[in-house]
Amino acid sequence: MRISKLKIVSFTLLSVLICIEIAFAKDKTYWPSFDCPPLFMYNSSGERSGLGNTLNEYIQNMLPSDTHINAIGSPVKRLLDAKSGKNIVITGIVKTTEREKYLYYSKYPCMVSWSIVAVIRKEDKNKFTSNGKFSLYTNLNNTNNIFSYMKGIYYGKLLNIIKETNSKNHGVAAFDTIDQINLLLHNRIDFFFADPLVAYYTHQDDIKKSNIEFIECLELPVTPIYRYYATPKTKWGEVMIRKIDAILEDMICSGRLETLVKNWTPDNFKKKLEKAYQNDITDKVLCD
């Protein structure tokens, strides 16, 4: 069978275009985020703000040769994308042994958050608290209580407590913090758990402020949790995380990172932040 020269040329041209498209696709860097104040925040027009978005914007500007795509994605999807080797940068993730199997972490933390608090309806404060504290064992052991969680979020020691109580089958999955708040305000759940900074910023809305309260957990005192940048364990990911490391180191030495983190930290946490930041970030970087 004879194939015309025109067909051969057309096929060759199509192949070249496909290769070019694949090459460009590989050069794109995806930065997924989800609504989780103050890490990631979005207004009704879709404009981005928050510590994570601000950090990402700065780093992206420092890497002008890369094509950056800011995308909305659930916490669990960003982990699945990383496992599949997609060119993504995960912002503000907590280190775990399981995640280390498929992620490169930044050398330094990019932000400091805190162990979880319980978020409840204000009208239920007396029902769920004792001496101003929320008992995880008491409230999770009550099978009448329904709580919410987000897949892909690391809850630390809370996971062990959930396994030890009768609550394993009483959890409702939510997409993001806003989803959890809506479930709470519509009486679909009784409480959920969040980083105190998330709870604080969520609490600023007037409607939420009058209806929601966040309570320290009796069994889990508030302690610092360090969050990192992460990339997939691919050649691309290894190169990208080293670029991010260099930028973070410069930000730490110049004081820019501390200023950014402080800007998104409530006043009642700033002293705790200064101590944690000094001990576990500043003191571990050799600056000129």
C-alpha atoms as a PDB file:
ATOM      1  CA  MET A   1       0.000   0.000   0.000  1.00  0.00           C
ATOM      2  CA  ARG A   2       1.383   3.392  -1.011  1.00  0.00           C
ATOM      3  CA  ILE A   3       1.206   6.314   1.365  1.00  0.00           C
ATOM      4  CA  SER A   4       1.261   9.746  -0.204  1.00  0.00           C
ATOM      5  CA  LYS A   5       3.986  12.214   0.695  1.00  0.00           C
ATOM      6  CA  LEU A   6       1.299  14.607   1.907  1.00  0.00           C
ATOM      7  CA  LYS A   7       0.046  12.053   4.413  1.00  0.00           C
ATOM      8  CA  ILE A   8       3.586  11.361   5.599  1.00  0.00           C
ATOM      9  CA  VAL A   9       4.244  15.074   6.072  1.00  0.00           C
ATOM     10  CA  SER A  10       0.905  15.531   7.854  1.00  0.00           C
ATOM     11  CA  PHE A  11       1.589  12.597  10.159  1.00  0.00           C
ATOM     12  CA  THR A  12       5.100  13.874  10.924  1.00  0.00           C
ATOM     13  CA  LEU A  13       3.797  17.365  11.674  1.00  0.00           C
ATOM     14  CA  LEU A  14       1.086  15.963  13.951  1.00  0.00           C
ATOM     15  CA  SER A  15       3.676  13.889  15.819  1.00  0.00           C
ATOM     16  CA  VAL A  16       5.879  16.940  16.325  1.00  0.00           C
ATOM     17  CA  LEU A  17       2.937  18.977  17.629  1.00  0.00           C
ATOM     18  CA  ILE A  18       1.985  16.210  20.054  1.00  0.00           C
ATOM     19  CA  CYS A  19       5.571  16.035  21.329  1.00  0.00           C
ATOM     20  CA  ILE A  20       5.652  19.804  21.769  1.00  0.00           C
ATOM     21  CA  GLU A  21       2.363  19.723  23.665  1.00  0.00           C
ATOM     22  CA  ILE A  22       3.639  16.957  25.945  1.00  0.00           C
ATOM     23  CA  ALA A  23       6.839  18.902  26.579  1.00  0.00           C
ATOM     24  CA  PHE A  24       4.898  22.031  27.497  1.00  0.00           C
ATOM     25  CA  ALA A  25       2.550  20.019  29.726  1.00  0.00           C
ATOM     26  CA  LYS A  26       5.522  18.649  31.638  1.00  0.00           C
ATOM     27  CA  ASP A  27       6.821  22.177  32.210  1.00  0.00           C
ATOM     28  CA  LYS A  28       3.615  23.267  33.936  1.00  0.00           C
ATOM     29  CA  THR A  29       3.748  23.400  37.712  1.00  0.00           C
ATOM     30  CA  TYR A  30       0.455  22.957  39.544  1.00  0.00           C
ATOM     31  CA  TRP A  31      -0.121  24.562  42.942  1.00  0.00           C
ATOM     32  CA  PRO A  32      -3.310  23.021  44.385  1.00  0.00           C
ATOM     33  CA  SER A  33      -5.164  24.594  47.297  1.00  0.00           C
ATOM     34  CA  PHE A  34      -8.516  24.393  49.058  1.00  0.00           C
ATOM     35  CA  ASP A  35     -10.545  26.785  51.191  1.00  0.00           C
ATOM     36  CA  CYS A  36      -8.818  26.623  54.578  1.00  0.00           C
ATOM     37  CA  PRO A  37      -8.298  30.025  56.219  1.00  0.00           C
ATOM     38  CA  PRO A  38      -5.787  31.457  56.939  1.00  0.00           C
ATOM     39  CA  LEU A  39      -3.690  29.131  54.750  1.00  0.00           C
ATOM     40  CA  PHE A  40      -5.866  29.487  51.666  1.00  0.00           C
ATOM     41  CA  MET A  41      -8.681  32.003  51.366  1.00  0.00           C
ATOM     42  CA  TYR A  42     -10.930  33.024  48.478  1.00  0.00           C
ATOM     43  CA  ASN A  43     -13.509  35.771  48.166  1.00  0.00           C
ATOM     44  CA  SER A  44     -16.729  35.624  46.152  1.00  0.00           C
ATOM     45  CA  SER A  45     -14.840  36.760  43.043  1.00  0.00           C
ATOM     46  CA  GLY A  46     -12.328  33.950  43.372  1.00  0.00           C
ATOM     47  CA  GLU A  47      -9.465  36.241  44.398  1.00  0.00           C
ATOM     48  CA  ARG A  48      -6.852  34.451  46.476  1.00  0.00           C
ATOM     49  CA  SER A  49      -5.392  35.494  49.820  1.00  0.00           C
ATOM     50  CA  GLY A  50      -4.068  33.820  52.952  1.00  0.00           C
ATOM     51  CA  LEU A  51      -0.606  32.777  54.085  1.00  0.00           C
ATOM     52  CA  GLY A  52      -0.301  29.824  51.701  1.00  0.00           C
ATOM     53  CA  ASN A  53      -1.431  31.775  48.656  1.00  0.00           C
ATOM     54  CA  THR A  54       0.860  34.695  49.560  1.00  0.00           C
ATOM     55  CA  LEU A  55       3.850  32.375  49.943  1.00  0.00           C
ATOM     56  CA  ASN A  56       3.048  30.606  46.696  1.00  0.00           C
ATOM     57  CA  GLU A  57       2.780  33.871  44.804  1.00  0.00           C
ATOM     58  CA  TYR A  58       6.163  35.014  46.094  1.00  0.00           C
ATOM     59  CA  ILE A  59       7.886  31.732  45.195  1.00  0.00           C
ATOM     60  CA  GLN A  60       6.229  31.628  41.783  1.00  0.00           C
ATOM     61  CA  ASN A  61       7.521  35.133  41.060  1.00  0.00           C
ATOM     62  CA  MET A  62      11.003  33.927  41.985  1.00  0.00           C
ATOM     63  CA  LEU A  63      10.693  31.122  39.416  1.00  0.00           C
ATOM     64  CA  PRO A  64       9.645  33.011  36.272  1.00  0.00           C
ATOM     65  CA  SER A  65      10.897  30.332  33.879  1.00  0.00           C
ATOM     66  CA  ASP A  66       8.247  27.880  35.131  1.00  0.00           C
ATOM     67  CA  THR A  67       4.615  27.952  34.028  1.00  0.00           C
ATOM     68  CA  HIS A  68       2.588  28.096  37.248  1.00  0.00           C
ATOM     69  CA  ILE A  69      -1.018  26.933  37.446  1.00  0.00           C
ATOM     70  CA  ASN A  70      -2.983  27.712  40.628  1.00  0.00           C
ATOM     71  CA  ALA A  71      -5.719  25.123  40.988  1.00  0.00           C
ATOM     72  CA  ILE A  72      -8.469  24.254  43.448  1.00  0.00           C
ATOM     73  CA  GLY A  73      -8.248  20.695  44.717  1.00  0.00           C
ATOM     74  CA  SER A  74      -9.236  18.728  47.779  1.00  0.00           C
ATOM     75  CA  PRO A  75      -6.555  17.653  50.293  1.00  0.00           C
ATOM     76  CA  VAL A  76      -6.862  14.027  49.224  1.00  0.00           C
ATOM     77  CA  LYS A  77      -6.633  14.826  45.490  1.00  0.00           C
ATOM     78  CA  ARG A  78      -3.332  16.644  45.872  1.00  0.00           C
ATOM     79  CA  LEU A  79      -1.869  13.566  47.558  1.00  0.00           C
ATOM     80  CA  LEU A  80      -3.186  11.288  44.811  1.00  0.00           C
ATOM     81  CA  ASP A  81      -1.708  13.608  42.179  1.00  0.00           C
ATOM     82  CA  ALA A  82       1.649  13.513  43.953  1.00  0.00           C
ATOM     83  CA  LYS A  83       1.560   9.716  44.106  1.00  0.00           C
ATOM     84  CA  SER A  84       0.911   9.598  40.370  1.00  0.00           C
ATOM     85  CA  GLY A  85       3.959  11.800  39.737  1.00  0.00           C
ATOM     86  CA  LYS A  86       2.118  14.898  38.559  1.00  0.00           C
ATOM     87  CA  ASN A  87       4.152  18.112  38.626  1.00  0.00           C
ATOM     88  CA  ILE A  88       2.554  19.640  41.697  1.00  0.00           C
ATOM     89  CA  VAL A  89       3.766  21.638  44.666  1.00  0.00           C
ATOM     90  CA  ILE A  90       1.907  21.000  47.909  1.00  0.00           C
ATOM     91  CA  THR A  91       1.872  23.917  50.333  1.00  0.00           C
ATOM     92  CA  GLY A  92       1.753  23.653  54.117  1.00  0.00           C
ATOM     93  CA  ILE A  93       1.689  19.886  54.523  1.00  0.00           C
ATOM     94  CA  VAL A  94       2.545  18.042  57.738  1.00  0.00           C
ATOM     95  CA  LYS A  95       5.294  15.420  57.558  1.00  0.00           C
ATOM     96  CA  THR A  96       4.304  11.797  58.100  1.00  0.00           C
ATOM     97  CA  THR A  97       6.164   8.537  57.559  1.00  0.00           C
ATOM     98  CA  GLU A  98       3.583   7.365  55.023  1.00  0.00           C
ATOM     99  CA  ARG A  99       3.782  10.548  52.958  1.00  0.00           C
ATOM    100  CA  GLU A 100       7.565  10.421  52.951  1.00  0.00           C
ATOM    101  CA  LYS A 101       7.348   7.339  50.732  1.00  0.00           C
ATOM    102  CA  TYR A 102       6.200   9.443  47.780  1.00  0.00           C
ATOM    103  CA  LEU A 103       6.987  13.069  48.688  1.00  0.00           C
ATOM    104  CA  TYR A 104      10.088  15.226  48.888  1.00  0.00           C
ATOM    105  CA  TYR A 105       9.734  17.729  51.739  1.00  0.00           C
ATOM    106  CA  SER A 106      11.291  21.163  51.861  1.00  0.00           C
ATOM    107  CA  LYS A 107      14.324  21.387  54.119  1.00  0.00           C
ATOM    108  CA  TYR A 108      12.677  24.083  56.231  1.00  0.00           C
ATOM    109  CA  PRO A 109       9.077  24.605  57.374  1.00  0.00           C
ATOM    110  CA  CYS A 110       7.151  27.263  55.494  1.00  0.00           C
ATOM    111  CA  MET A 111       4.623  27.912  58.257  1.00  0.00           C
ATOM    112  CA  VAL A 112       3.742  27.124  61.853  1.00  0.00           C
ATOM    113  CA  SER A 113       0.284  25.970  62.885  1.00  0.00           C
ATOM    114  CA  TRP A 114      -1.040  24.384  66.061  1.00  0.00           C
ATOM    115  CA  SER A 115      -2.616  21.185  67.303  1.00  0.00           C
ATOM    116  CA  ILE A 116      -6.362  20.945  66.900  1.00  0.00           C
ATOM    117  CA  VAL A 117      -9.258  22.491  68.798  1.00  0.00           C
ATOM    118  CA  ALA A 118     -12.902  21.420  68.758  1.00  0.00           C
ATOM    119  CA  VAL A 119     -15.370  23.609  66.863  1.00  0.00           C
ATOM    120  CA  ILE A 120     -18.930  23.510  68.215  1.00  0.00           C
ATOM    121  CA  ARG A 121     -22.176  25.466  68.084  1.00  0.00           C
ATOM    122  CA  LYS A 122     -22.168  28.136  70.783  1.00  0.00           C
ATOM    123  CA  GLU A 123     -25.514  26.914  72.081  1.00  0.00           C
ATOM    124  CA  ASP A 124     -23.954  23.482  72.769  1.00  0.00           C
ATOM    125  CA  LYS A 125     -21.060  24.735  74.884  1.00  0.00           C
ATOM    126  CA  ASN A 126     -22.415  23.380  78.175  1.00  0.00           C
ATOM    127  CA  LYS A 127     -23.291  20.095  76.510  1.00  0.00           C
ATOM    128  CA  PHE A 128     -19.801  19.386  75.178  1.00  0.00           C
ATOM    129  CA  THR A 129     -17.442  21.073  77.648  1.00  0.00           C
ATOM    130  CA  SER A 130     -16.352  20.653  81.235  1.00  0.00           C
ATOM    131  CA  ASN A 131     -14.318  23.343  82.994  1.00  0.00           C
ATOM    132  CA  GLY A 132     -13.936  25.108  79.675  1.00  0.00           C
ATOM    133  CA  LYS A 133     -12.347  22.119  77.928  1.00  0.00           C
ATOM    134  CA  PHE A 134     -13.618  19.647  75.337  1.00  0.00           C
ATOM    135  CA  SER A 135     -13.001  16.035  76.377  1.00  0.00           C
ATOM    136  CA  LEU A 136     -12.227  13.972  73.297  1.00  0.00           C
ATOM    137  CA  TYR A 137     -12.788  10.645  75.021  1.00  0.00           C
ATOM    138  CA  THR A 138     -16.101  11.687  76.562  1.00  0.00           C
ATOM    139  CA  ASN A 139     -17.579  13.239  73.435  1.00  0.00           C
ATOM    140  CA  LEU A 140     -16.223  10.766  70.893  1.00  0.00           C
ATOM    141  CA  ASN A 141     -17.356   7.799  72.982  1.00  0.00           C
ATOM    142  CA  ASN A 142     -20.924   9.078  72.833  1.00  0.00           C
ATOM    143  CA  THR A 143     -22.319   7.323  69.760  1.00  0.00           C
ATOM    144  CA  ASN A 144     -25.078   9.927  69.447  1.00  0.00           C
ATOM    145  CA  ASN A 145     -22.496  12.529  68.464  1.00  0.00           C
ATOM    146  CA  ILE A 146     -21.529  12.998  64.825  1.00  0.00           C
ATOM    147  CA  PHE A 147     -18.313  14.768  63.860  1.00  0.00           C
ATOM    148  CA  SER A 148     -16.751  15.838  60.579  1.00  0.00           C
ATOM    149  CA  TYR A 149     -13.303  15.338  59.090  1.00  0.00           C
ATOM    150  CA  MET A 150     -11.478  16.173  55.868  1.00  0.00           C
ATOM    151  CA  LYS A 151      -9.832  13.384  53.911  1.00  0.00           C
ATOM    152  CA  GLY A 152      -6.158  13.991  53.254  1.00  0.00           C
ATOM    153  CA  ILE A 153      -5.687  16.076  56.414  1.00  0.00           C
ATOM    154  CA  TYR A 154      -3.299  14.814  59.079  1.00  0.00           C
ATOM    155  CA  TYR A 155      -4.942  14.951  62.508  1.00  0.00           C
ATOM    156  CA  GLY A 156      -1.997  13.578  64.477  1.00  0.00           C
ATOM    157  CA  LYS A 157      -2.761  12.053  67.875  1.00  0.00           C
ATOM    158  CA  LEU A 158      -6.470  12.655  67.379  1.00  0.00           C
ATOM    159  CA  LEU A 159      -6.509   9.673  64.999  1.00  0.00           C
ATOM    160  CA  ASN A 160      -5.338   7.360  67.779  1.00  0.00           C
ATOM    161  CA  ILE A 161      -8.055   8.644  70.104  1.00  0.00           C
ATOM    162  CA  ILE A 162     -10.709   8.111  67.429  1.00  0.00           C
ATOM    163  CA  LYS A 163      -9.542   4.503  67.036  1.00  0.00           C
ATOM    164  CA  GLU A 164      -9.759   3.994  70.802  1.00  0.00           C
ATOM    165  CA  THR A 165     -13.323   5.307  71.052  1.00  0.00           C
ATOM    166  CA  ASN A 166     -16.704   4.361  69.605  1.00  0.00           C
ATOM    167  CA  SER A 167     -16.616   7.131  67.010  1.00  0.00           C
ATOM    168  CA  LYS A 168     -15.083   5.443  63.963  1.00  0.00           C
ATOM    169  CA  ASN A 169     -18.449   5.031  62.239  1.00  0.00           C
ATOM    170  CA  HIS A 170     -19.794   8.438  63.223  1.00  0.00           C
ATOM    171  CA  GLY A 171     -17.631  10.656  61.047  1.00  0.00           C
ATOM    172  CA  VAL A 172     -18.844  12.640  58.037  1.00  0.00           C
ATOM    173  CA  ALA A 173     -16.348  13.544  55.305  1.00  0.00           C
ATOM    174  CA  ALA A 174     -16.240  17.196  54.226  1.00  0.00           C
ATOM    175  CA  PHE A 175     -14.543  18.881  51.262  1.00  0.00           C
ATOM    176  CA  ASP A 176     -13.135  21.871  53.156  1.00  0.00           C
ATOM    177  CA  THR A 177     -13.567  24.016  56.272  1.00  0.00           C
ATOM    178  CA  ILE A 178     -16.474  25.982  54.817  1.00  0.00           C
ATOM    179  CA  ASP A 179     -18.260  22.699  54.147  1.00  0.00           C
ATOM    180  CA  GLN A 180     -17.710  21.665  57.769  1.00  0.00           C
ATOM    181  CA  ILE A 181     -19.091  24.956  59.069  1.00  0.00           C
ATOM    182  CA  ASN A 182     -22.209  24.595  56.953  1.00  0.00           C
ATOM    183  CA  LEU A 183     -22.717  21.058  58.243  1.00  0.00           C
ATOM    184  CA  LEU A 184     -22.364  22.350  61.798  1.00  0.00           C
ATOM    185  CA  LEU A 185     -24.699  25.330  61.388  1.00  0.00           C
ATOM    186  CA  HIS A 186     -27.333  23.149  59.714  1.00  0.00           C
ATOM    187  CA  ASN A 187     -27.177  20.623  62.574  1.00  0.00           C
ATOM    188  CA  ARG A 188     -25.858  17.853  60.329  1.00  0.00           C
ATOM    189  CA  ILE A 189     -22.911  17.309  62.690  1.00  0.00           C
ATOM    190  CA  ASP A 190     -22.222  18.104  66.345  1.00  0.00           C
ATOM    191  CA  PHE A 191     -18.597  19.215  66.097  1.00  0.00           C
ATOM    192  CA  PHE A 192     -15.443  19.099  64.014  1.00  0.00           C
ATOM    193  CA  PHE A 193     -11.755  19.650  64.648  1.00  0.00           C
ATOM    194  CA  ALA A 194      -9.499  22.342  63.234  1.00  0.00           C
ATOM    195  CA  ASP A 195      -6.189  24.092  63.631  1.00  0.00           C
ATOM    196  CA  PRO A 196      -6.728  27.055  66.032  1.00  0.00           C
ATOM    197  CA  LEU A 197      -5.658  29.496  63.299  1.00  0.00           C
ATOM    198  CA  VAL A 198      -8.248  28.010  60.946  1.00  0.00           C
ATOM    199  CA  ALA A 199     -10.852  28.262  63.692  1.00  0.00           C
ATOM    200  CA  TYR A 200      -9.886  31.865  64.442  1.00  0.00           C
ATOM    201  CA  TYR A 201     -10.167  33.106  60.863  1.00  0.00           C
ATOM    202  CA  THR A 202     -13.311  31.119  60.259  1.00  0.00           C
ATOM    203  CA  HIS A 203     -14.739  32.787  63.345  1.00  0.00           C
ATOM    204  CA  GLN A 204     -14.342  36.343  62.000  1.00  0.00           C
ATOM    205  CA  ASP A 205     -17.539  36.305  59.958  1.00  0.00           C
ATOM    206  CA  ASP A 206     -20.316  37.953  62.011  1.00  0.00           C
ATOM    207  CA  ILE A 207     -22.807  35.122  61.491  1.00  0.00           C
ATOM    208  CA  LYS A 208     -20.276  32.477  62.455  1.00  0.00           C
ATOM    209  CA  LYS A 209     -18.984  34.543  65.374  1.00  0.00           C
ATOM    210  CA  SER A 210     -22.442  34.583  66.927  1.00  0.00           C
ATOM    211  CA  ASN A 211     -23.063  30.871  66.391  1.00  0.00           C
ATOM    212  CA  ILE A 212     -19.719  29.058  66.614  1.00  0.00           C
ATOM    213  CA  GLU A 213     -17.188  28.558  69.366  1.00  0.00           C
ATOM    214  CA  PHE A 214     -13.841  26.784  69.386  1.00  0.00           C
ATOM    215  CA  ILE A 215     -12.660  24.988  72.507  1.00  0.00           C
ATOM    216  CA  GLU A 216      -9.264  23.586  73.501  1.00  0.00           C
ATOM    217  CA  CYS A 217      -9.213  19.796  73.776  1.00  0.00           C
ATOM    218  CA  LEU A 218      -8.489  18.416  77.235  1.00  0.00           C
ATOM    219  CA  GLU A 219      -6.327  15.554  75.972  1.00  0.00           C
ATOM    220  CA  LEU A 220      -4.417  17.542  73.329  1.00  0.00           C
ATOM    221  CA  PRO A 221      -2.877  20.790  74.634  1.00  0.00           C
ATOM    222  CA  VAL A 222      -2.088  23.338  71.938  1.00  0.00           C
ATOM    223  CA  THR A 223       1.448  22.728  70.614  1.00  0.00           C
ATOM    224  CA  PRO A 224       3.236  23.926  67.442  1.00  0.00           C
ATOM    225  CA  ILE A 225       2.964  21.906  64.241  1.00  0.00           C
ATOM    226  CA  TYR A 226       5.360  22.623  61.390  1.00  0.00           C
ATOM    227  CA  ARG A 227       4.165  22.595  57.806  1.00  0.00           C
ATOM    228  CA  TYR A 228       6.314  22.154  54.724  1.00  0.00           C
ATOM    229  CA  TYR A 229       6.344  22.398  50.971  1.00  0.00           C
ATOM    230  CA  ALA A 230       6.337  19.035  49.209  1.00  0.00           C
ATOM    231  CA  THR A 231       6.761  17.679  45.692  1.00  0.00           C
ATOM    232  CA  PRO A 232       6.408  14.174  44.207  1.00  0.00           C
ATOM    233  CA  LYS A 233       9.377  11.812  44.358  1.00  0.00           C
ATOM    234  CA  THR A 234      10.314  12.272  40.728  1.00  0.00           C
ATOM    235  CA  LYS A 235      13.307  13.891  39.060  1.00  0.00           C
ATOM    236  CA  TRP A 236      11.188  16.984  38.479  1.00  0.00           C
ATOM    237  CA  GLY A 237      10.107  16.983  42.129  1.00  0.00           C
ATOM    238  CA  GLU A 238      13.684  16.717  43.364  1.00  0.00           C
ATOM    239  CA  VAL A 239      14.769  19.704  41.278  1.00  0.00           C
ATOM    240  CA  MET A 240      11.729  21.789  42.234  1.00  0.00           C
ATOM    241  CA  ILE A 241      12.033  21.196  45.989  1.00  0.00           C
ATOM    242  CA  ARG A 242      15.682  22.296  45.865  1.00  0.00           C
ATOM    243  CA  LYS A 243      14.614  25.527  44.164  1.00  0.00           C
ATOM    244  CA  ILE A 244      12.016  26.072  46.882  1.00  0.00           C
ATOM    245  CA  ASP A 245      14.606  25.317  49.585  1.00  0.00           C
ATOM    246  CA  ALA A 246      16.886  28.049  48.257  1.00  0.00           C
ATOM    247  CA  ILE A 247      14.043  30.581  48.210  1.00  0.00           C
ATOM    248  CA  LEU A 248      12.860  29.617  51.706  1.00  0.00           C
ATOM    249  CA  GLU A 249      16.381  29.904  53.092  1.00  0.00           C
ATOM    250  CA  ASP A 250      16.677  33.402  51.673  1.00  0.00           C
ATOM    251  CA  MET A 251      13.253  34.310  53.102  1.00  0.00           C
ATOM    252  CA  ILE A 252      14.250  33.022  56.547  1.00  0.00           C
ATOM    253  CA  CYS A 253      17.575  34.860  56.586  1.00  0.00           C
ATOM    254  CA  SER A 254      16.013  38.116  55.404  1.00  0.00           C
ATOM    255  CA  GLY A 255      13.175  37.878  57.937  1.00  0.00           C
ATOM    256  CA  ARG A 256      10.578  37.900  55.161  1.00  0.00           C
ATOM    257  CA  LEU A 257       9.120  34.496  56.068  1.00  0.00           C
ATOM    258  CA  GLU A 258       8.704  35.352  59.753  1.00  0.00           C
ATOM    259  CA  THR A 259       6.959  38.605  58.835  1.00  0.00           C
ATOM    260  CA  LEU A 260       4.557  36.793  56.521  1.00  0.00           C
ATOM    261  CA  VAL A 261       3.759  34.105  59.087  1.00  0.00           C
ATOM    262  CA  LYS A 262       3.224  36.723  61.818  1.00  0.00           C
ATOM    263  CA  ASN A 263       0.876  38.693  59.581  1.00  0.00           C
ATOM    264  CA  TRP A 264      -1.475  35.704  59.494  1.00  0.00           C
ATOM    265  CA  THR A 265      -1.154  34.762  63.171  1.00  0.00           C
ATOM    266  CA  PRO A 266      -3.685  36.061  65.742  1.00  0.00           C
ATOM    267  CA  ASP A 267      -2.246  38.255  68.507  1.00  0.00           C
ATOM    268  CA  ASN A 268      -2.896  35.665  71.212  1.00  0.00           C
ATOM    269  CA  PHE A 269      -0.629  33.192  69.376  1.00  0.00           C
ATOM    270  CA  LYS A 270       2.226  35.534  68.422  1.00  0.00           C
ATOM    271  CA  LYS A 271       4.358  34.920  71.520  1.00  0.00           C
ATOM    272  CA  LYS A 272       4.040  31.171  71.031  1.00  0.00           C
ATOM    273  CA  LEU A 273       4.914  31.643  67.374  1.00  0.00           C
ATOM    274  CA  GLU A 274       8.052  33.680  68.127  1.00  0.00           C
ATOM    275  CA  LYS A 275       9.386  30.978  70.437  1.00  0.00           C
ATOM    276  CA  ALA A 276       8.581  28.109  68.066  1.00  0.00           C
ATOM    277  CA  TYR A 277       9.925  29.988  65.041  1.00  0.00           C
ATOM    278  CA  GLN A 278      13.196  30.840  66.784  1.00  0.00           C
ATOM    279  CA  ASN A 279      13.796  27.312  68.093  1.00  0.00           C
ATOM    280  CA  ASP A 280      12.838  25.284  65.049  1.00  0.00           C
ATOM    281  CA  ILE A 281      13.358  27.540  62.047  1.00  0.00           C
ATOM    282  CA  THR A 282      15.717  30.485  62.604  1.00  0.00           C
ATOM    283  CA  ASP A 283      18.226  28.552  64.724  1.00  0.00           C
ATOM    284  CA  LYS A 284      18.512  25.793  62.106  1.00  0.00           C
ATOM    285  CA  VAL A 285      19.512  28.027  59.198  1.00  0.00           C
ATOM    286  CA  LEU A 286      23.074  29.265  58.690  1.00  0.00           C
ATOM    287  CA  CYS A 287      22.733  32.828  57.467  1.00  0.00           C
ATOM    288  CA  ASP A 288      25.626  35.039  56.374  1.00  0.00           C
END
